[in-house]
């Protein structure tokens, strides 16, 4: 698969796009990424990170028993600019939320009741 095809295949997944957005400007641990995506299991986040790592779109740094991930912007080529513009767009957040909700598996999380 060509480099552009690899990038497009990775960006086709809303979860991988969200992970890339999270690690775009800062290095984060897998646990931190998982906490930012509470509707996904840690195992699912780990699989997505592995896929991004194998495609060369993120880099990993080991520190003790933890791994820290950061996006490799140069590997995304011209798609990097498109992603940044997309993430700055307010409609992007709504679109992502709808895509993630549409791809959710299993029971819906319960909403917390506010104490009155």
C-alpha atoms as a PDB file:
ATOM      1  CA  UNK A   1       0.000   0.000   0.000  1.00  0.00           C
ATOM      2  CA  UNK A   2       1.344   3.430  -0.879  1.00  0.00           C
ATOM      3  CA  UNK A   3       2.062   6.024   1.763  1.00  0.00           C
ATOM      4  CA  UNK A   4      -0.977   8.141   0.825  1.00  0.00           C
ATOM      5  CA  UNK A   5      -3.219   5.092   0.798  1.00  0.00           C
ATOM      6  CA  UNK A   6      -1.919   4.125   4.263  1.00  0.00           C
ATOM      7  CA  UNK A   7      -2.675   7.606   5.595  1.00  0.00           C
ATOM      8  CA  UNK A   8      -6.157   7.629   4.053  1.00  0.00           C
ATOM      9  CA  UNK A   9      -6.920   4.187   5.474  1.00  0.00           C
ATOM     10  CA  UNK A  10      -5.846   5.341   8.944  1.00  0.00           C
ATOM     11  CA  UNK A  11      -7.841   8.579   8.702  1.00  0.00           C
ATOM     12  CA  UNK A  12     -10.972   6.672   7.670  1.00  0.00           C
ATOM     13  CA  UNK A  13     -11.426   5.614  11.302  1.00  0.00           C
ATOM     14  CA  UNK A  14     -12.987   8.282  13.552  1.00  0.00           C
ATOM     15  CA  UNK A  15     -11.241   6.743  16.571  1.00  0.00           C
ATOM     16  CA  UNK A  16      -7.805   6.952  14.948  1.00  0.00           C
ATOM     17  CA  UNK A  17      -8.475  10.547  13.889  1.00  0.00           C
ATOM     18  CA  UNK A  18      -9.412  11.371  17.482  1.00  0.00           C
ATOM     19  CA  UNK A  19      -6.243   9.726  18.800  1.00  0.00           C
ATOM     20  CA  UNK A  20      -4.170  11.707  16.291  1.00  0.00           C
ATOM     21  CA  UNK A  21      -5.893  14.909  17.428  1.00  0.00           C
ATOM     22  CA  UNK A  22      -5.107  14.111  21.060  1.00  0.00           C
ATOM     23  CA  UNK A  23      -1.397  13.485  20.414  1.00  0.00           C
ATOM     24  CA  UNK A  24      -0.998  16.205  17.784  1.00  0.00           C
ATOM     25  CA  UNK A  25       0.516  18.892  20.014  1.00  0.00           C
ATOM     26  CA  UNK A  26       1.625  16.919  23.046  1.00  0.00           C
ATOM     27  CA  UNK A  27       2.951  13.535  23.999  1.00  0.00           C
ATOM     28  CA  UNK A  28       0.413  11.453  25.931  1.00  0.00           C
ATOM     29  CA  UNK A  29       0.447   8.093  27.639  1.00  0.00           C
ATOM     30  CA  UNK A  30      -1.877   5.343  26.462  1.00  0.00           C
ATOM     31  CA  UNK A  31      -3.774   5.683  29.753  1.00  0.00           C
ATOM     32  CA  UNK A  32      -4.329   9.399  29.228  1.00  0.00           C
ATOM     33  CA  UNK A  33      -5.588   8.753  25.705  1.00  0.00           C
ATOM     34  CA  UNK A  34      -7.934   6.088  27.051  1.00  0.00           C
ATOM     35  CA  UNK A  35      -9.312   8.447  29.708  1.00  0.00           C
ATOM     36  CA  UNK A  36     -10.047  11.013  26.973  1.00  0.00           C
ATOM     37  CA  UNK A  37     -12.132   8.358  25.177  1.00  0.00           C
ATOM     38  CA  UNK A  38     -14.255   6.870  27.993  1.00  0.00           C
ATOM     39  CA  UNK A  39     -16.602   4.962  25.685  1.00  0.00           C
ATOM     40  CA  UNK A  40     -13.740   2.783  24.389  1.00  0.00           C
ATOM     41  CA  UNK A  41     -11.950   0.012  26.249  1.00  0.00           C
ATOM     42  CA  UNK A  42      -8.248   0.303  26.958  1.00  0.00           C
ATOM     43  CA  UNK A  43      -7.675  -2.721  24.710  1.00  0.00           C
ATOM     44  CA  UNK A  44      -9.420  -0.998  21.793  1.00  0.00           C
ATOM     45  CA  UNK A  45      -7.327   2.152  22.287  1.00  0.00           C
ATOM     46  CA  UNK A  46      -4.209  -0.003  22.414  1.00  0.00           C
ATOM     47  CA  UNK A  47      -5.128  -1.689  19.115  1.00  0.00           C
ATOM     48  CA  UNK A  48      -5.712   1.674  17.440  1.00  0.00           C
ATOM     49  CA  UNK A  49      -2.398   2.984  18.760  1.00  0.00           C
ATOM     50  CA  UNK A  50      -0.623  -0.122  17.472  1.00  0.00           C
ATOM     51  CA  UNK A  51      -2.170   0.391  14.041  1.00  0.00           C
ATOM     52  CA  UNK A  52      -1.110   4.056  13.963  1.00  0.00           C
ATOM     53  CA  UNK A  53       2.364   3.060  15.132  1.00  0.00           C
ATOM     54  CA  UNK A  54       2.724   0.366  12.454  1.00  0.00           C
ATOM     55  CA  UNK A  55       1.579   2.856   9.795  1.00  0.00           C
ATOM     56  CA  UNK A  56       4.246   5.290  11.024  1.00  0.00           C
ATOM     57  CA  UNK A  57       1.731   8.005  11.922  1.00  0.00           C
ATOM     58  CA  UNK A  58       2.651   8.121  15.611  1.00  0.00           C
ATOM     59  CA  UNK A  59       5.867   7.475  17.467  1.00  0.00           C
ATOM     60  CA  UNK A  60       6.169   5.825  20.851  1.00  0.00           C
ATOM     61  CA  UNK A  61       8.624   6.403  23.663  1.00  0.00           C
ATOM     62  CA  UNK A  62       8.932   3.928  26.508  1.00  0.00           C
ATOM     63  CA  UNK A  63       9.505   5.182  30.029  1.00  0.00           C
ATOM     64  CA  UNK A  64       9.550   2.480  32.656  1.00  0.00           C
ATOM     65  CA  UNK A  65       6.356   0.462  32.061  1.00  0.00           C
ATOM     66  CA  UNK A  66       4.513   3.260  30.266  1.00  0.00           C
ATOM     67  CA  UNK A  67       4.500   4.280  26.618  1.00  0.00           C
ATOM     68  CA  UNK A  68       4.054   7.832  25.440  1.00  0.00           C
ATOM     69  CA  UNK A  69       2.710   8.634  21.981  1.00  0.00           C
ATOM     70  CA  UNK A  70       3.080  11.647  19.714  1.00  0.00           C
ATOM     71  CA  UNK A  71       1.839  12.253  16.173  1.00  0.00           C
ATOM     72  CA  UNK A  72       4.413  12.220  13.376  1.00  0.00           C
ATOM     73  CA  UNK A  73       3.150  15.208  11.405  1.00  0.00           C
ATOM     74  CA  UNK A  74       5.735  14.757   8.664  1.00  0.00           C
ATOM     75  CA  UNK A  75       4.393  11.250   7.965  1.00  0.00           C
ATOM     76  CA  UNK A  76       0.970  12.711   7.213  1.00  0.00           C
ATOM     77  CA  UNK A  77       2.367  14.943   4.473  1.00  0.00           C
ATOM     78  CA  UNK A  78      -0.225  17.283   2.975  1.00  0.00           C
ATOM     79  CA  UNK A  79      -2.951  15.687   5.098  1.00  0.00           C
ATOM     80  CA  UNK A  80      -1.463  17.378   8.184  1.00  0.00           C
ATOM     81  CA  UNK A  81      -2.703  20.821   7.087  1.00  0.00           C
ATOM     82  CA  UNK A  82      -6.132  19.440   6.252  1.00  0.00           C
ATOM     83  CA  UNK A  83      -6.404  17.824   9.686  1.00  0.00           C
ATOM     84  CA  UNK A  84      -5.404  21.011  11.490  1.00  0.00           C
ATOM     85  CA  UNK A  85      -7.997  23.054   9.601  1.00  0.00           C
ATOM     86  CA  UNK A  86     -10.605  20.375  10.206  1.00  0.00           C
ATOM     87  CA  UNK A  87      -9.908  20.232  13.949  1.00  0.00           C
ATOM     88  CA  UNK A  88     -10.145  24.021  14.209  1.00  0.00           C
ATOM     89  CA  UNK A  89     -13.615  23.931  12.655  1.00  0.00           C
ATOM     90  CA  UNK A  90     -16.381  23.967  15.281  1.00  0.00           C
ATOM     91  CA  UNK A  91     -18.532  21.644  13.191  1.00  0.00           C
ATOM     92  CA  UNK A  92     -15.763  19.059  13.355  1.00  0.00           C
ATOM     93  CA  UNK A  93     -16.494  18.399  17.027  1.00  0.00           C
ATOM     94  CA  UNK A  94     -20.146  17.759  16.308  1.00  0.00           C
ATOM     95  CA  UNK A  95     -19.301  15.524  13.331  1.00  0.00           C
ATOM     96  CA  UNK A  96     -16.816  13.518  15.389  1.00  0.00           C
ATOM     97  CA  UNK A  97     -19.285  13.089  18.223  1.00  0.00           C
ATOM     98  CA  UNK A  98     -21.911  11.778  15.785  1.00  0.00           C
ATOM     99  CA  UNK A  99     -19.428   9.388  14.142  1.00  0.00           C
ATOM    100  CA  UNK A 100     -18.226   8.050  17.473  1.00  0.00           C
ATOM    101  CA  UNK A 101     -21.793   7.586  18.666  1.00  0.00           C
ATOM    102  CA  UNK A 102     -22.642   5.797  15.426  1.00  0.00           C
ATOM    103  CA  UNK A 103     -19.728   3.395  15.796  1.00  0.00           C
ATOM    104  CA  UNK A 104     -20.325   2.709  19.511  1.00  0.00           C
ATOM    105  CA  UNK A 105     -20.764  -0.912  20.470  1.00  0.00           C
ATOM    106  CA  UNK A 106     -22.365  -2.310  23.554  1.00  0.00           C
ATOM    107  CA  UNK A 107     -24.628  -0.620  26.060  1.00  0.00           C
ATOM    108  CA  UNK A 108     -24.887   3.135  26.253  1.00  0.00           C
ATOM    109  CA  UNK A 109     -23.153   4.688  29.255  1.00  0.00           C
ATOM    110  CA  UNK A 110     -25.499   5.905  31.946  1.00  0.00           C
ATOM    111  CA  UNK A 111     -25.740   9.603  32.449  1.00  0.00           C
ATOM    112  CA  UNK A 112     -24.948  10.824  35.909  1.00  0.00           C
ATOM    113  CA  UNK A 113     -27.789  12.468  37.740  1.00  0.00           C
ATOM    114  CA  UNK A 114     -27.145  15.854  39.172  1.00  0.00           C
ATOM    115  CA  UNK A 115     -27.677  16.244  42.861  1.00  0.00           C
ATOM    116  CA  UNK A 116     -30.216  18.892  43.666  1.00  0.00           C
END
